[in-house]
């Protein structure tokens, strides 16, 4: 046994891993002509749910915070699309704001623990 306290894994980093696995599966589904129709769309819906969850919790690691920062930028970029309807724009801006709030919480905690 070690004297080091056990720490919980970062929930955002775990979601980033899930996202990467789903992203690879989706890319393969679009290329594979023998894949079941609709599978890539179903996996994309699951990937979007993982992304929404990842901006809804506070990161516990640098890698989780980096993924969260990327998601905030992605949602802001999507919201800037002129072809997007107002409801979708508002949804993406809300997700970006939520992710930014959790990212700020992580960064503030990191800064305070360094003092």
C-alpha atoms as a PDB file:
ATOM      1  CA  UNK A   1       0.000   0.000   0.000  1.00  0.00           C
ATOM      2  CA  UNK A   2       1.181   3.546  -0.645  1.00  0.00           C
ATOM      3  CA  UNK A   3       0.892   6.695   1.387  1.00  0.00           C
ATOM      4  CA  UNK A   4      -0.518   8.546  -1.613  1.00  0.00           C
ATOM      5  CA  UNK A   5      -4.244   9.320  -1.377  1.00  0.00           C
ATOM      6  CA  UNK A   6      -6.396   7.702  -4.018  1.00  0.00           C
ATOM      7  CA  UNK A   7      -7.941  10.217  -6.364  1.00  0.00           C
ATOM      8  CA  UNK A   8     -10.959   9.762  -8.543  1.00  0.00           C
ATOM      9  CA  UNK A   9     -10.353   9.719 -12.278  1.00  0.00           C
ATOM     10  CA  UNK A  10     -11.268  12.860 -14.174  1.00  0.00           C
ATOM     11  CA  UNK A  11     -14.832  12.484 -15.491  1.00  0.00           C
ATOM     12  CA  UNK A  12     -14.132  14.727 -18.478  1.00  0.00           C
ATOM     13  CA  UNK A  13     -11.002  12.792 -19.477  1.00  0.00           C
ATOM     14  CA  UNK A  14     -13.018   9.564 -19.328  1.00  0.00           C
ATOM     15  CA  UNK A  15     -15.668  11.152 -21.549  1.00  0.00           C
ATOM     16  CA  UNK A  16     -12.930  12.318 -23.932  1.00  0.00           C
ATOM     17  CA  UNK A  17     -11.861   8.692 -24.273  1.00  0.00           C
ATOM     18  CA  UNK A  18     -15.452   7.652 -25.008  1.00  0.00           C
ATOM     19  CA  UNK A  19     -15.724  10.482 -27.536  1.00  0.00           C
ATOM     20  CA  UNK A  20     -12.543   9.384 -29.342  1.00  0.00           C
ATOM     21  CA  UNK A  21     -13.733   5.784 -29.573  1.00  0.00           C
ATOM     22  CA  UNK A  22     -17.116   6.874 -30.920  1.00  0.00           C
ATOM     23  CA  UNK A  23     -15.481   9.281 -33.368  1.00  0.00           C
ATOM     24  CA  UNK A  24     -13.352   6.452 -34.787  1.00  0.00           C
ATOM     25  CA  UNK A  25     -16.406   4.211 -35.089  1.00  0.00           C
ATOM     26  CA  UNK A  26     -18.369   6.937 -36.878  1.00  0.00           C
ATOM     27  CA  UNK A  27     -15.559   7.598 -39.352  1.00  0.00           C
ATOM     28  CA  UNK A  28     -15.378   3.888 -40.126  1.00  0.00           C
ATOM     29  CA  UNK A  29     -19.151   3.706 -40.558  1.00  0.00           C
ATOM     30  CA  UNK A  30     -19.197   6.451 -43.166  1.00  0.00           C
ATOM     31  CA  UNK A  31     -16.490   4.690 -45.197  1.00  0.00           C
ATOM     32  CA  UNK A  32     -17.738   1.099 -44.851  1.00  0.00           C
ATOM     33  CA  UNK A  33     -20.430   0.540 -47.486  1.00  0.00           C
ATOM     34  CA  UNK A  34     -21.450  -2.730 -45.790  1.00  0.00           C
ATOM     35  CA  UNK A  35     -22.195  -1.025 -42.464  1.00  0.00           C
ATOM     36  CA  UNK A  36     -25.738  -1.100 -41.174  1.00  0.00           C
ATOM     37  CA  UNK A  37     -27.709   1.921 -42.423  1.00  0.00           C
ATOM     38  CA  UNK A  38     -28.217   4.478 -39.712  1.00  0.00           C
ATOM     39  CA  UNK A  39     -25.468   3.108 -37.475  1.00  0.00           C
ATOM     40  CA  UNK A  40     -23.221   6.120 -38.036  1.00  0.00           C
ATOM     41  CA  UNK A  41     -26.128   8.454 -37.262  1.00  0.00           C
ATOM     42  CA  UNK A  42     -26.933   6.585 -34.045  1.00  0.00           C
ATOM     43  CA  UNK A  43     -23.282   6.679 -32.984  1.00  0.00           C
ATOM     44  CA  UNK A  44     -23.176  10.393 -33.825  1.00  0.00           C
ATOM     45  CA  UNK A  45     -26.166  10.996 -31.544  1.00  0.00           C
ATOM     46  CA  UNK A  46     -24.351   9.122 -28.772  1.00  0.00           C
ATOM     47  CA  UNK A  47     -21.178  11.124 -29.416  1.00  0.00           C
ATOM     48  CA  UNK A  48     -23.191  14.365 -29.146  1.00  0.00           C
ATOM     49  CA  UNK A  49     -24.595  13.178 -25.809  1.00  0.00           C
ATOM     50  CA  UNK A  50     -21.055  12.477 -24.575  1.00  0.00           C
ATOM     51  CA  UNK A  51     -20.021  15.989 -25.657  1.00  0.00           C
ATOM     52  CA  UNK A  52     -22.979  17.554 -23.841  1.00  0.00           C
ATOM     53  CA  UNK A  53     -22.112  15.629 -20.682  1.00  0.00           C
ATOM     54  CA  UNK A  54     -18.442  16.621 -20.925  1.00  0.00           C
ATOM     55  CA  UNK A  55     -19.275  20.334 -20.776  1.00  0.00           C
ATOM     56  CA  UNK A  56     -21.661  19.727 -17.875  1.00  0.00           C
ATOM     57  CA  UNK A  57     -19.124  18.549 -15.294  1.00  0.00           C
ATOM     58  CA  UNK A  58     -15.964  20.076 -13.889  1.00  0.00           C
ATOM     59  CA  UNK A  59     -12.721  18.592 -15.155  1.00  0.00           C
ATOM     60  CA  UNK A  60     -10.305  17.025 -12.709  1.00  0.00           C
ATOM     61  CA  UNK A  61      -7.207  16.923 -14.896  1.00  0.00           C
ATOM     62  CA  UNK A  62      -5.329  18.978 -17.437  1.00  0.00           C
ATOM     63  CA  UNK A  63      -6.332  16.600 -20.232  1.00  0.00           C
ATOM     64  CA  UNK A  64      -9.985  16.847 -19.233  1.00  0.00           C
ATOM     65  CA  UNK A  65      -9.750  20.643 -19.147  1.00  0.00           C
ATOM     66  CA  UNK A  66      -8.111  20.677 -22.585  1.00  0.00           C
ATOM     67  CA  UNK A  67     -10.946  18.579 -24.026  1.00  0.00           C
ATOM     68  CA  UNK A  68     -13.485  20.837 -22.364  1.00  0.00           C
ATOM     69  CA  UNK A  69     -11.791  23.949 -23.790  1.00  0.00           C
ATOM     70  CA  UNK A  70     -11.888  22.382 -27.253  1.00  0.00           C
ATOM     71  CA  UNK A  71     -15.601  21.628 -26.841  1.00  0.00           C
ATOM     72  CA  UNK A  72     -16.323  25.217 -25.765  1.00  0.00           C
ATOM     73  CA  UNK A  73     -14.605  26.471 -28.923  1.00  0.00           C
ATOM     74  CA  UNK A  74     -16.440  23.919 -31.051  1.00  0.00           C
ATOM     75  CA  UNK A  75     -19.849  24.964 -29.712  1.00  0.00           C
ATOM     76  CA  UNK A  76     -19.071  28.662 -30.224  1.00  0.00           C
ATOM     77  CA  UNK A  77     -17.938  27.917 -33.777  1.00  0.00           C
ATOM     78  CA  UNK A  78     -21.074  25.904 -34.542  1.00  0.00           C
ATOM     79  CA  UNK A  79     -23.274  28.663 -33.093  1.00  0.00           C
ATOM     80  CA  UNK A  80     -21.629  31.123 -35.491  1.00  0.00           C
ATOM     81  CA  UNK A  81     -22.964  29.231 -38.535  1.00  0.00           C
ATOM     82  CA  UNK A  82     -25.342  31.617 -40.368  1.00  0.00           C
ATOM     83  CA  UNK A  83     -27.425  28.676 -41.623  1.00  0.00           C
ATOM     84  CA  UNK A  84     -28.236  27.515 -38.089  1.00  0.00           C
ATOM     85  CA  UNK A  85     -31.719  28.241 -36.744  1.00  0.00           C
ATOM     86  CA  UNK A  86     -32.102  30.291 -33.563  1.00  0.00           C
ATOM     87  CA  UNK A  87     -32.973  27.311 -31.344  1.00  0.00           C
ATOM     88  CA  UNK A  88     -29.860  25.396 -32.397  1.00  0.00           C
ATOM     89  CA  UNK A  89     -27.718  28.524 -32.031  1.00  0.00           C
ATOM     90  CA  UNK A  90     -29.058  29.111 -28.520  1.00  0.00           C
ATOM     91  CA  UNK A  91     -28.465  25.445 -27.595  1.00  0.00           C
ATOM     92  CA  UNK A  92     -24.824  25.574 -28.724  1.00  0.00           C
ATOM     93  CA  UNK A  93     -24.199  28.888 -26.968  1.00  0.00           C
ATOM     94  CA  UNK A  94     -25.754  27.485 -23.784  1.00  0.00           C
ATOM     95  CA  UNK A  95     -23.474  24.423 -23.973  1.00  0.00           C
ATOM     96  CA  UNK A  96     -20.440  26.661 -24.591  1.00  0.00           C
ATOM     97  CA  UNK A  97     -21.326  28.844 -21.600  1.00  0.00           C
ATOM     98  CA  UNK A  98     -21.834  25.810 -19.366  1.00  0.00           C
ATOM     99  CA  UNK A  99     -18.515  24.336 -20.457  1.00  0.00           C
ATOM    100  CA  UNK A 100     -16.751  27.663 -19.914  1.00  0.00           C
ATOM    101  CA  UNK A 101     -18.201  27.886 -16.403  1.00  0.00           C
ATOM    102  CA  UNK A 102     -16.921  24.404 -15.496  1.00  0.00           C
ATOM    103  CA  UNK A 103     -13.561  25.107 -17.135  1.00  0.00           C
ATOM    104  CA  UNK A 104     -13.222  28.305 -15.102  1.00  0.00           C
ATOM    105  CA  UNK A 105     -14.051  26.349 -11.937  1.00  0.00           C
ATOM    106  CA  UNK A 106     -11.280  23.854 -12.737  1.00  0.00           C
ATOM    107  CA  UNK A 107      -8.749  26.592 -13.529  1.00  0.00           C
ATOM    108  CA  UNK A 108      -9.646  28.544 -10.386  1.00  0.00           C
ATOM    109  CA  UNK A 109      -9.289  25.427  -8.236  1.00  0.00           C
ATOM    110  CA  UNK A 110      -5.978  24.623  -9.904  1.00  0.00           C
ATOM    111  CA  UNK A 111      -4.707  28.150  -9.274  1.00  0.00           C
ATOM    112  CA  UNK A 112      -5.849  28.195  -5.648  1.00  0.00           C
ATOM    113  CA  UNK A 113      -4.250  24.821  -4.945  1.00  0.00           C
ATOM    114  CA  UNK A 114      -0.932  26.115  -6.320  1.00  0.00           C
ATOM    115  CA  UNK A 115      -0.776  28.862  -3.687  1.00  0.00           C
END
